Amino acid sequence: MFRKAEPAVQLKTPAQIAKMRAAGRVVASTLDLLRASAEPGMSTLDLDAIAERSIRDAGAVPSFKGYWGFPGSICTSVNEEVVHGIPRESKILRYGDIISIDCGAILDGWHGDSAITFPIGEVSVDDAALLRVCEESMWRGIAQLRPGRHLGDIGHAIDSFVRQSGGYGNVQEYGGHGIGTEMHMDPHVLNYGKPRKGMGIAEGMCLAIEPMTNLGTRHVVTLDDQWTVVTRDSSRSAHFEHSVAVTAEGPLVLTARDENREKLAELGFPDPDN
């Protein structure tokens, strides 16, 4: 009986990880700008223009634009849209919406990839809780990125937190991935799994960890545009993502934003800028 060979995974040197942090800073600053800019009455295409200008002004290239034919520089997923929402002039933000923005940039041949979900104005208590649960599940997954642990530990940490938080759907059809000289690389990182199962985690791996959490069931469908993924029950969804390097000192969050510094310190993660 033959065992299926594990895929080859790109391991990065410290110098290459530093280049990925540079790309990650472009993504982080762009996401900060988009969150500060988004307001009721804007279209998601307006946000796309802001993002492309921010990325290119930093000397980088939007990694999403043209990727398998995707037309935007960012993915903009509003309310029941889970991931891969296409920026459109007709998609107008309204007070009380939640929007997930996924952003990628290539700088000097290296990729950064990150996503945030945030409210447009004030949102309901349920929506605010959804955002907190999804983001915290991401951090629980990132905390497993240490040499000697396994991919199953990441998925188990994410899924266990979502389940224990009660009443949320953990999307299983999409997950994280390796990242480096390409945006999507091996290995695929599930948002569910069993402890100590799956590929071993090694120093030099760089992985994007990205849970998607629904206010209803976990089930999703893809719209006729062949990109936009929505919840099957029309419940709202949140999506958070960071690109992370595995180091001997702990998970190095390559797309960390200034607002993440307190969380990094709380978790004992190394400072990505020191």
C-alpha atoms as a PDB file:
ATOM      1  CA  MET A   1       0.000   0.000   0.000  1.00  0.00           C
ATOM      2  CA  PHE A   2       1.439   3.385  -1.005  1.00  0.00           C
ATOM      3  CA  ARG A   3       1.195   6.549   1.042  1.00  0.00           C
ATOM      4  CA  LYS A   4       0.392   9.747  -0.792  1.00  0.00           C
ATOM      5  CA  ALA A   5       3.479  11.954  -0.915  1.00  0.00           C
ATOM      6  CA  GLU A   6       3.211  15.307   0.802  1.00  0.00           C
ATOM      7  CA  PRO A   7       3.565  18.309  -1.514  1.00  0.00           C
ATOM      8  CA  ALA A   8       6.839  20.187  -1.597  1.00  0.00           C
ATOM      9  CA  VAL A   9       6.611  23.341   0.520  1.00  0.00           C
ATOM     10  CA  GLN A  10       8.685  26.459  -0.064  1.00  0.00           C
ATOM     11  CA  LEU A  11      10.817  27.259   2.986  1.00  0.00           C
ATOM     12  CA  LYS A  12      12.049  30.835   3.329  1.00  0.00           C
ATOM     13  CA  THR A  13      15.297  32.223   4.677  1.00  0.00           C
ATOM     14  CA  PRO A  14      15.242  35.117   7.166  1.00  0.00           C
ATOM     15  CA  ALA A  15      16.153  37.498   4.328  1.00  0.00           C
ATOM     16  CA  GLN A  16      13.238  36.245   2.240  1.00  0.00           C
ATOM     17  CA  ILE A  17      10.878  36.529   5.199  1.00  0.00           C
ATOM     18  CA  ALA A  18      11.988  40.153   5.560  1.00  0.00           C
ATOM     19  CA  LYS A  19      10.981  40.739   1.931  1.00  0.00           C
ATOM     20  CA  MET A  20       7.604  39.183   2.646  1.00  0.00           C
ATOM     21  CA  ARG A  21       7.166  41.513   5.606  1.00  0.00           C
ATOM     22  CA  ALA A  22       7.806  44.434   3.236  1.00  0.00           C
ATOM     23  CA  ALA A  23       5.007  43.169   0.980  1.00  0.00           C
ATOM     24  CA  GLY A  24       2.875  42.597   4.056  1.00  0.00           C
ATOM     25  CA  ARG A  25       3.306  46.216   5.135  1.00  0.00           C
ATOM     26  CA  VAL A  26       1.898  47.366   1.802  1.00  0.00           C
ATOM     27  CA  VAL A  27      -1.158  45.186   2.342  1.00  0.00           C
ATOM     28  CA  ALA A  28      -1.531  46.304   5.961  1.00  0.00           C
ATOM     29  CA  SER A  29      -1.365  50.015   5.151  1.00  0.00           C
ATOM     30  CA  THR A  30      -3.812  49.556   2.269  1.00  0.00           C
ATOM     31  CA  LEU A  31      -6.330  47.795   4.512  1.00  0.00           C
ATOM     32  CA  ASP A  32      -5.997  50.555   7.106  1.00  0.00           C
ATOM     33  CA  LEU A  33      -6.641  53.140   4.398  1.00  0.00           C
ATOM     34  CA  LEU A  34      -9.678  51.270   3.088  1.00  0.00           C
ATOM     35  CA  ARG A  35     -11.235  50.959   6.523  1.00  0.00           C
ATOM     36  CA  ALA A  36     -10.690  54.665   7.153  1.00  0.00           C
ATOM     37  CA  SER A  37     -12.164  55.538   3.738  1.00  0.00           C
ATOM     38  CA  ALA A  38     -15.235  53.297   3.642  1.00  0.00           C
ATOM     39  CA  GLU A  39     -18.519  55.042   4.356  1.00  0.00           C
ATOM     40  CA  PRO A  40     -22.192  54.832   3.414  1.00  0.00           C
ATOM     41  CA  GLY A  41     -22.853  55.818  -0.189  1.00  0.00           C
ATOM     42  CA  MET A  42     -19.508  54.598  -1.538  1.00  0.00           C
ATOM     43  CA  SER A  43     -19.400  51.748  -4.003  1.00  0.00           C
ATOM     44  CA  THR A  44     -17.121  48.776  -3.619  1.00  0.00           C
ATOM     45  CA  LEU A  45     -15.568  49.846  -6.934  1.00  0.00           C
ATOM     46  CA  ASP A  46     -14.610  53.139  -5.255  1.00  0.00           C
ATOM     47  CA  LEU A  47     -12.747  51.126  -2.628  1.00  0.00           C
ATOM     48  CA  ASP A  48     -11.053  49.082  -5.329  1.00  0.00           C
ATOM     49  CA  ALA A  49      -9.676  52.258  -6.932  1.00  0.00           C
ATOM     50  CA  ILE A  50      -8.336  53.451  -3.574  1.00  0.00           C
ATOM     51  CA  ALA A  51      -6.680  50.078  -2.991  1.00  0.00           C
ATOM     52  CA  GLU A  52      -5.026  49.892  -6.402  1.00  0.00           C
ATOM     53  CA  ARG A  53      -3.645  53.402  -6.056  1.00  0.00           C
ATOM     54  CA  SER A  54      -2.302  52.648  -2.556  1.00  0.00           C
ATOM     55  CA  ILE A  55      -0.598  49.434  -3.665  1.00  0.00           C
ATOM     56  CA  ARG A  56       0.955  50.912  -6.790  1.00  0.00           C
ATOM     57  CA  ASP A  57       2.082  54.084  -4.996  1.00  0.00           C
ATOM     58  CA  ALA A  58       4.060  51.804  -2.665  1.00  0.00           C
ATOM     59  CA  GLY A  59       5.873  50.305  -5.664  1.00  0.00           C
ATOM     60  CA  ALA A  60       3.916  47.058  -5.512  1.00  0.00           C
ATOM     61  CA  VAL A  61       1.429  45.308  -7.803  1.00  0.00           C
ATOM     62  CA  PRO A  62      -2.083  44.137  -6.821  1.00  0.00           C
ATOM     63  CA  SER A  63      -1.798  40.356  -6.802  1.00  0.00           C
ATOM     64  CA  PHE A  64      -5.535  39.752  -7.257  1.00  0.00           C
ATOM     65  CA  LYS A  65      -6.000  41.799 -10.434  1.00  0.00           C
ATOM     66  CA  GLY A  66      -6.157  39.424 -13.392  1.00  0.00           C
ATOM     67  CA  TYR A  67      -5.627  36.363 -11.181  1.00  0.00           C
ATOM     68  CA  TRP A  68      -7.564  33.633 -13.018  1.00  0.00           C
ATOM     69  CA  GLY A  69      -9.437  36.493 -14.654  1.00  0.00           C
ATOM     70  CA  PHE A  70     -10.506  38.269 -11.448  1.00  0.00           C
ATOM     71  CA  PRO A  71     -11.261  41.901 -12.400  1.00  0.00           C
ATOM     72  CA  GLY A  72     -10.543  43.701  -9.120  1.00  0.00           C
ATOM     73  CA  SER A  73      -7.492  44.677  -7.079  1.00  0.00           C
ATOM     74  CA  ILE A  74      -9.286  43.574  -3.906  1.00  0.00           C
ATOM     75  CA  CYS A  75     -12.156  41.269  -3.009  1.00  0.00           C
ATOM     76  CA  THR A  76     -15.090  43.109  -1.437  1.00  0.00           C
ATOM     77  CA  SER A  77     -17.676  40.865   0.222  1.00  0.00           C
ATOM     78  CA  VAL A  78     -20.657  42.581   1.858  1.00  0.00           C
ATOM     79  CA  ASN A  79     -23.010  41.090   4.463  1.00  0.00           C
ATOM     80  CA  GLU A  80     -23.993  37.577   3.251  1.00  0.00           C
ATOM     81  CA  GLU A  81     -21.078  37.499   0.789  1.00  0.00           C
ATOM     82  CA  VAL A  82     -18.356  35.296   2.250  1.00  0.00           C
ATOM     83  CA  VAL A  83     -15.350  35.676  -0.055  1.00  0.00           C
ATOM     84  CA  HIS A  84     -14.304  36.668  -3.580  1.00  0.00           C
ATOM     85  CA  GLY A  85     -16.825  39.477  -3.973  1.00  0.00           C
ATOM     86  CA  ILE A  86     -16.157  41.468  -7.149  1.00  0.00           C
ATOM     87  CA  PRO A  87     -15.907  45.261  -6.678  1.00  0.00           C
ATOM     88  CA  ARG A  88     -18.816  46.865  -8.541  1.00  0.00           C
ATOM     89  CA  GLU A  89     -20.093  50.368  -9.186  1.00  0.00           C
ATOM     90  CA  SER A  90     -23.591  49.109  -8.413  1.00  0.00           C
ATOM     91  CA  LYS A  91     -22.650  47.689  -4.992  1.00  0.00           C
ATOM     92  CA  ILE A  92     -23.288  50.620  -2.645  1.00  0.00           C
ATOM     93  CA  LEU A  93     -22.332  50.486   1.030  1.00  0.00           C
ATOM     94  CA  ARG A  94     -25.102  51.258   3.480  1.00  0.00           C
ATOM     95  CA  TYR A  95     -25.089  52.149   7.151  1.00  0.00           C
ATOM     96  CA  GLY A  96     -25.164  48.941   9.191  1.00  0.00           C
ATOM     97  CA  ASP A  97     -23.440  46.779   6.568  1.00  0.00           C
ATOM     98  CA  ILE A  98     -20.407  44.682   7.314  1.00  0.00           C
ATOM     99  CA  ILE A  99     -17.735  44.373   4.621  1.00  0.00           C
ATOM    100  CA  SER A 100     -14.886  41.910   4.235  1.00  0.00           C
ATOM    101  CA  ILE A 101     -11.931  43.168   2.231  1.00  0.00           C
ATOM    102  CA  ASP A 102      -9.257  40.726   1.074  1.00  0.00           C
ATOM    103  CA  CYS A 103      -6.101  42.395  -0.234  1.00  0.00           C
ATOM    104  CA  GLY A 104      -2.927  41.078  -1.827  1.00  0.00           C
ATOM    105  CA  ALA A 105       0.243  42.751  -3.089  1.00  0.00           C
ATOM    106  CA  ILE A 106       3.450  41.672  -4.801  1.00  0.00           C
ATOM    107  CA  LEU A 107       6.640  43.549  -3.903  1.00  0.00           C
ATOM    108  CA  ASP A 108      10.030  42.537  -5.247  1.00  0.00           C
ATOM    109  CA  GLY A 109       8.590  39.163  -6.276  1.00  0.00           C
ATOM    110  CA  TRP A 110       7.107  38.308  -2.865  1.00  0.00           C
ATOM    111  CA  HIS A 111       3.448  38.201  -1.852  1.00  0.00           C
ATOM    112  CA  GLY A 112       1.476  39.564   1.058  1.00  0.00           C
ATOM    113  CA  ASP A 113      -2.171  38.572   1.640  1.00  0.00           C
ATOM    114  CA  SER A 114      -4.545  39.658   4.384  1.00  0.00           C
ATOM    115  CA  ALA A 115      -8.253  40.228   5.037  1.00  0.00           C
ATOM    116  CA  ILE A 116     -10.353  42.154   7.537  1.00  0.00           C
ATOM    117  CA  THR A 117     -14.067  42.526   8.168  1.00  0.00           C
ATOM    118  CA  PHE A 118     -15.430  45.729   9.645  1.00  0.00           C
ATOM    119  CA  PRO A 119     -18.743  47.558  10.103  1.00  0.00           C
ATOM    120  CA  ILE A 120     -20.031  50.512   8.134  1.00  0.00           C
ATOM    121  CA  GLY A 121     -21.270  52.637  11.009  1.00  0.00           C
ATOM    122  CA  GLU A 122     -22.866  50.817  13.924  1.00  0.00           C
ATOM    123  CA  VAL A 123     -24.018  47.221  13.598  1.00  0.00           C
ATOM    124  CA  SER A 124     -26.094  44.858  15.694  1.00  0.00           C
ATOM    125  CA  VAL A 125     -24.777  43.068  18.764  1.00  0.00           C
ATOM    126  CA  ASP A 126     -24.912  39.798  16.795  1.00  0.00           C
ATOM    127  CA  ASP A 127     -22.852  41.213  13.936  1.00  0.00           C
ATOM    128  CA  ALA A 128     -20.261  42.649  16.316  1.00  0.00           C
ATOM    129  CA  ALA A 129     -19.975  39.279  18.064  1.00  0.00           C
ATOM    130  CA  LEU A 130     -19.572  37.526  14.705  1.00  0.00           C
ATOM    131  CA  LEU A 131     -16.590  39.717  13.859  1.00  0.00           C
ATOM    132  CA  ARG A 132     -14.967  39.090  17.243  1.00  0.00           C
ATOM    133  CA  VAL A 133     -15.421  35.316  16.999  1.00  0.00           C
ATOM    134  CA  CYS A 134     -14.004  35.085  13.483  1.00  0.00           C
ATOM    135  CA  GLU A 135     -10.972  37.257  14.265  1.00  0.00           C
ATOM    136  CA  GLU A 136     -10.213  35.437  17.502  1.00  0.00           C
ATOM    137  CA  SER A 137     -10.463  32.070  15.743  1.00  0.00           C
ATOM    138  CA  MET A 138      -7.792  33.325  13.325  1.00  0.00           C
ATOM    139  CA  TRP A 139      -5.484  34.170  16.220  1.00  0.00           C
ATOM    140  CA  ARG A 140      -6.105  30.747  17.766  1.00  0.00           C
ATOM    141  CA  GLY A 141      -5.036  29.162  14.482  1.00  0.00           C
ATOM    142  CA  ILE A 142      -1.975  31.386  14.106  1.00  0.00           C
ATOM    143  CA  ALA A 143      -0.824  30.422  17.611  1.00  0.00           C
ATOM    144  CA  GLN A 144      -0.301  26.855  16.334  1.00  0.00           C
ATOM    145  CA  LEU A 145       2.321  27.941  13.795  1.00  0.00           C
ATOM    146  CA  ARG A 146       5.316  26.556  15.634  1.00  0.00           C
ATOM    147  CA  PRO A 147       7.918  24.002  14.486  1.00  0.00           C
ATOM    148  CA  GLY A 148       6.865  20.453  15.340  1.00  0.00           C
ATOM    149  CA  ARG A 149       3.141  21.064  15.286  1.00  0.00           C
ATOM    150  CA  HIS A 150       0.813  19.960  12.482  1.00  0.00           C
ATOM    151  CA  LEU A 151      -1.656  21.490  10.054  1.00  0.00           C
ATOM    152  CA  GLY A 152      -4.430  19.641  11.867  1.00  0.00           C
ATOM    153  CA  ASP A 153      -3.594  21.629  15.000  1.00  0.00           C
ATOM    154  CA  ILE A 154      -4.383  24.870  13.129  1.00  0.00           C
ATOM    155  CA  GLY A 155      -7.754  23.683  11.871  1.00  0.00           C
ATOM    156  CA  HIS A 156      -8.656  22.148  15.223  1.00  0.00           C
ATOM    157  CA  ALA A 157      -7.882  25.386  17.074  1.00  0.00           C
ATOM    158  CA  ILE A 158     -10.007  27.437  14.675  1.00  0.00           C
ATOM    159  CA  ASP A 159     -12.949  25.042  14.564  1.00  0.00           C
ATOM    160  CA  SER A 160     -12.963  24.384  18.311  1.00  0.00           C
ATOM    161  CA  PHE A 161     -13.151  28.082  19.113  1.00  0.00           C
ATOM    162  CA  VAL A 162     -15.945  28.725  16.608  1.00  0.00           C
ATOM    163  CA  ARG A 163     -17.915  25.762  17.951  1.00  0.00           C
ATOM    164  CA  GLN A 164     -17.504  26.665  21.608  1.00  0.00           C
ATOM    165  CA  SER A 165     -18.586  30.241  20.842  1.00  0.00           C
ATOM    166  CA  GLY A 166     -21.992  28.810  19.906  1.00  0.00           C
ATOM    167  CA  GLY A 167     -24.330  29.185  16.960  1.00  0.00           C
ATOM    168  CA  TYR A 168     -21.809  29.993  14.232  1.00  0.00           C
ATOM    169  CA  GLY A 169     -20.989  28.248  10.972  1.00  0.00           C
ATOM    170  CA  ASN A 170     -17.337  27.549  10.170  1.00  0.00           C
ATOM    171  CA  VAL A 171     -16.988  27.517   6.363  1.00  0.00           C
ATOM    172  CA  GLN A 172     -15.173  24.384   5.215  1.00  0.00           C
ATOM    173  CA  GLU A 173     -15.041  24.792   1.437  1.00  0.00           C
ATOM    174  CA  TYR A 174     -12.296  27.448   1.622  1.00  0.00           C
ATOM    175  CA  GLY A 175      -9.229  27.820   3.783  1.00  0.00           C
ATOM    176  CA  GLY A 176      -5.706  29.093   4.121  1.00  0.00           C
ATOM    177  CA  HIS A 177      -2.655  28.332   2.021  1.00  0.00           C
ATOM    178  CA  GLY A 178       1.061  28.576   1.629  1.00  0.00           C
ATOM    179  CA  ILE A 179       2.372  31.898   0.349  1.00  0.00           C
ATOM    180  CA  GLY A 180       5.692  33.217  -0.927  1.00  0.00           C
ATOM    181  CA  THR A 181       6.783  33.721  -4.516  1.00  0.00           C
ATOM    182  CA  GLU A 182       3.196  32.874  -5.447  1.00  0.00           C
ATOM    183  CA  MET A 183      -0.030  33.915  -3.761  1.00  0.00           C
ATOM    184  CA  HIS A 184      -1.449  30.411  -3.398  1.00  0.00           C
ATOM    185  CA  MET A 185       1.013  27.607  -2.743  1.00  0.00           C
ATOM    186  CA  ASP A 186       1.069  24.278  -0.940  1.00  0.00           C
ATOM    187  CA  PRO A 187      -0.027  23.376   1.601  1.00  0.00           C
ATOM    188  CA  HIS A 188      -3.779  23.983   1.737  1.00  0.00           C
ATOM    189  CA  VAL A 189      -4.707  24.865   5.324  1.00  0.00           C
ATOM    190  CA  LEU A 190      -8.122  23.650   6.446  1.00  0.00           C
ATOM    191  CA  ASN A 191     -10.117  25.585   9.042  1.00  0.00           C
ATOM    192  CA  TYR A 192     -11.042  22.309  10.743  1.00  0.00           C
ATOM    193  CA  GLY A 193      -9.004  19.222  11.602  1.00  0.00           C
ATOM    194  CA  LYS A 194      -7.666  16.844  14.203  1.00  0.00           C
ATOM    195  CA  PRO A 195      -4.801  17.597  16.584  1.00  0.00           C
ATOM    196  CA  ARG A 196      -1.381  16.212  15.642  1.00  0.00           C
ATOM    197  CA  LYS A 197      -2.629  15.181  12.210  1.00  0.00           C
ATOM    198  CA  GLY A 198      -1.516  16.348   8.777  1.00  0.00           C
ATOM    199  CA  MET A 199       1.703  17.831   7.506  1.00  0.00           C
ATOM    200  CA  GLY A 200       4.278  18.849  10.087  1.00  0.00           C
ATOM    201  CA  ILE A 201       4.953  22.563  10.519  1.00  0.00           C
ATOM    202  CA  ALA A 202       8.565  23.578   9.975  1.00  0.00           C
ATOM    203  CA  GLU A 203      10.625  26.720  10.454  1.00  0.00           C
ATOM    204  CA  GLY A 204      10.636  28.816   7.280  1.00  0.00           C
ATOM    205  CA  MET A 205       7.095  27.917   6.226  1.00  0.00           C
ATOM    206  CA  CYS A 206       4.883  30.888   5.427  1.00  0.00           C
ATOM    207  CA  LEU A 207       1.137  30.297   5.644  1.00  0.00           C
ATOM    208  CA  ALA A 208      -1.959  32.437   5.215  1.00  0.00           C
ATOM    209  CA  ILE A 209      -4.468  31.628   7.947  1.00  0.00           C
ATOM    210  CA  GLU A 210      -8.008  32.687   7.029  1.00  0.00           C
ATOM    211  CA  PRO A 211     -11.173  31.508   8.734  1.00  0.00           C
ATOM    212  CA  MET A 212     -14.617  32.441   7.405  1.00  0.00           C
ATOM    213  CA  THR A 213     -17.393  32.419   9.982  1.00  0.00           C
ATOM    214  CA  ASN A 214     -21.137  32.660   9.327  1.00  0.00           C
ATOM    215  CA  LEU A 215     -23.879  33.898  11.618  1.00  0.00           C
ATOM    216  CA  GLY A 216     -25.962  30.935  10.419  1.00  0.00           C
ATOM    217  CA  THR A 217     -24.946  27.540   9.042  1.00  0.00           C
ATOM    218  CA  ARG A 218     -21.559  26.859   7.455  1.00  0.00           C
ATOM    219  CA  HIS A 219     -22.998  26.160   3.991  1.00  0.00           C
ATOM    220  CA  VAL A 220     -22.163  28.400   1.026  1.00  0.00           C
ATOM    221  CA  VAL A 221     -22.907  28.677  -2.687  1.00  0.00           C
ATOM    222  CA  THR A 222     -21.193  30.468  -5.577  1.00  0.00           C
ATOM    223  CA  LEU A 223     -23.132  33.038  -7.597  1.00  0.00           C
ATOM    224  CA  ASP A 224     -23.463  33.042 -11.377  1.00  0.00           C
ATOM    225  CA  ASP A 225     -20.487  35.406 -11.723  1.00  0.00           C
ATOM    226  CA  GLN A 226     -18.408  32.328 -10.778  1.00  0.00           C
ATOM    227  CA  TRP A 227     -16.560  34.308  -8.098  1.00  0.00           C
ATOM    228  CA  THR A 228     -18.790  35.636  -5.346  1.00  0.00           C
ATOM    229  CA  VAL A 229     -19.412  33.085  -2.582  1.00  0.00           C
ATOM    230  CA  VAL A 230     -22.458  33.704  -0.365  1.00  0.00           C
ATOM    231  CA  THR A 231     -24.047  31.972   2.609  1.00  0.00           C
ATOM    232  CA  ARG A 232     -26.738  29.560   1.561  1.00  0.00           C
ATOM    233  CA  ASP A 233     -29.114  30.817   4.273  1.00  0.00           C
ATOM    234  CA  SER A 234     -28.361  34.522   3.559  1.00  0.00           C
ATOM    235  CA  SER A 235     -26.838  34.995   7.021  1.00  0.00           C
ATOM    236  CA  ARG A 236     -23.977  37.439   7.404  1.00  0.00           C
ATOM    237  CA  SER A 237     -20.372  36.293   7.221  1.00  0.00           C
ATOM    238  CA  ALA A 238     -16.962  37.477   8.428  1.00  0.00           C
ATOM    239  CA  HIS A 239     -13.472  36.773   7.064  1.00  0.00           C
ATOM    240  CA  PHE A 240     -10.085  37.505   8.632  1.00  0.00           C
ATOM    241  CA  GLU A 241      -6.643  36.592   7.319  1.00  0.00           C
ATOM    242  CA  HIS A 242      -2.978  37.142   8.071  1.00  0.00           C
ATOM    243  CA  SER A 243       0.130  35.855   6.311  1.00  0.00           C
ATOM    244  CA  VAL A 244       2.467  34.342   8.910  1.00  0.00           C
ATOM    245  CA  ALA A 245       6.033  32.999   8.934  1.00  0.00           C
ATOM    246  CA  VAL A 246       7.003  30.076  11.148  1.00  0.00           C
ATOM    247  CA  THR A 247      10.113  30.975  13.163  1.00  0.00           C
ATOM    248  CA  ALA A 248      11.950  29.487  16.129  1.00  0.00           C
ATOM    249  CA  GLU A 249      10.776  32.473  18.194  1.00  0.00           C
ATOM    250  CA  GLY A 250       7.121  31.964  17.322  1.00  0.00           C
ATOM    251  CA  PRO A 251       4.612  33.013  14.648  1.00  0.00           C
ATOM    252  CA  LEU A 252       5.798  36.138  12.805  1.00  0.00           C
ATOM    253  CA  VAL A 253       2.731  37.948  11.460  1.00  0.00           C
ATOM    254  CA  LEU A 254       3.893  39.383   8.140  1.00  0.00           C
ATOM    255  CA  THR A 255       0.756  41.426   7.460  1.00  0.00           C
ATOM    256  CA  ALA A 256       0.414  42.827  10.988  1.00  0.00           C
ATOM    257  CA  ARG A 257      -1.124  46.292  11.284  1.00  0.00           C
ATOM    258  CA  ASP A 258      -0.402  48.809  14.035  1.00  0.00           C
ATOM    259  CA  GLU A 259      -3.662  47.882  15.762  1.00  0.00           C
ATOM    260  CA  ASN A 260      -2.438  44.280  16.069  1.00  0.00           C
ATOM    261  CA  ARG A 261       0.567  45.147  18.247  1.00  0.00           C
ATOM    262  CA  GLU A 262      -1.290  44.728  21.525  1.00  0.00           C
ATOM    263  CA  LYS A 263      -2.580  41.326  20.422  1.00  0.00           C
ATOM    264  CA  LEU A 264       0.876  40.216  19.299  1.00  0.00           C
ATOM    265  CA  ALA A 265       2.287  41.173  22.698  1.00  0.00           C
ATOM    266  CA  GLU A 266      -0.573  39.426  24.514  1.00  0.00           C
ATOM    267  CA  LEU A 267       0.130  36.208  22.601  1.00  0.00           C
ATOM    268  CA  GLY A 268       3.905  36.485  23.001  1.00  0.00           C
ATOM    269  CA  PHE A 269       4.524  36.617  19.249  1.00  0.00           C
ATOM    270  CA  PRO A 270       7.700  38.257  17.945  1.00  0.00           C
ATOM    271  CA  ASP A 271       7.513  41.851  16.716  1.00  0.00           C
ATOM    272  CA  PRO A 272       7.557  41.678  12.888  1.00  0.00           C
ATOM    273  CA  ASP A 273       9.421  44.994  12.684  1.00  0.00           C
ATOM    274  CA  ASN A 274      12.276  44.218  15.084  1.00  0.00           C
END
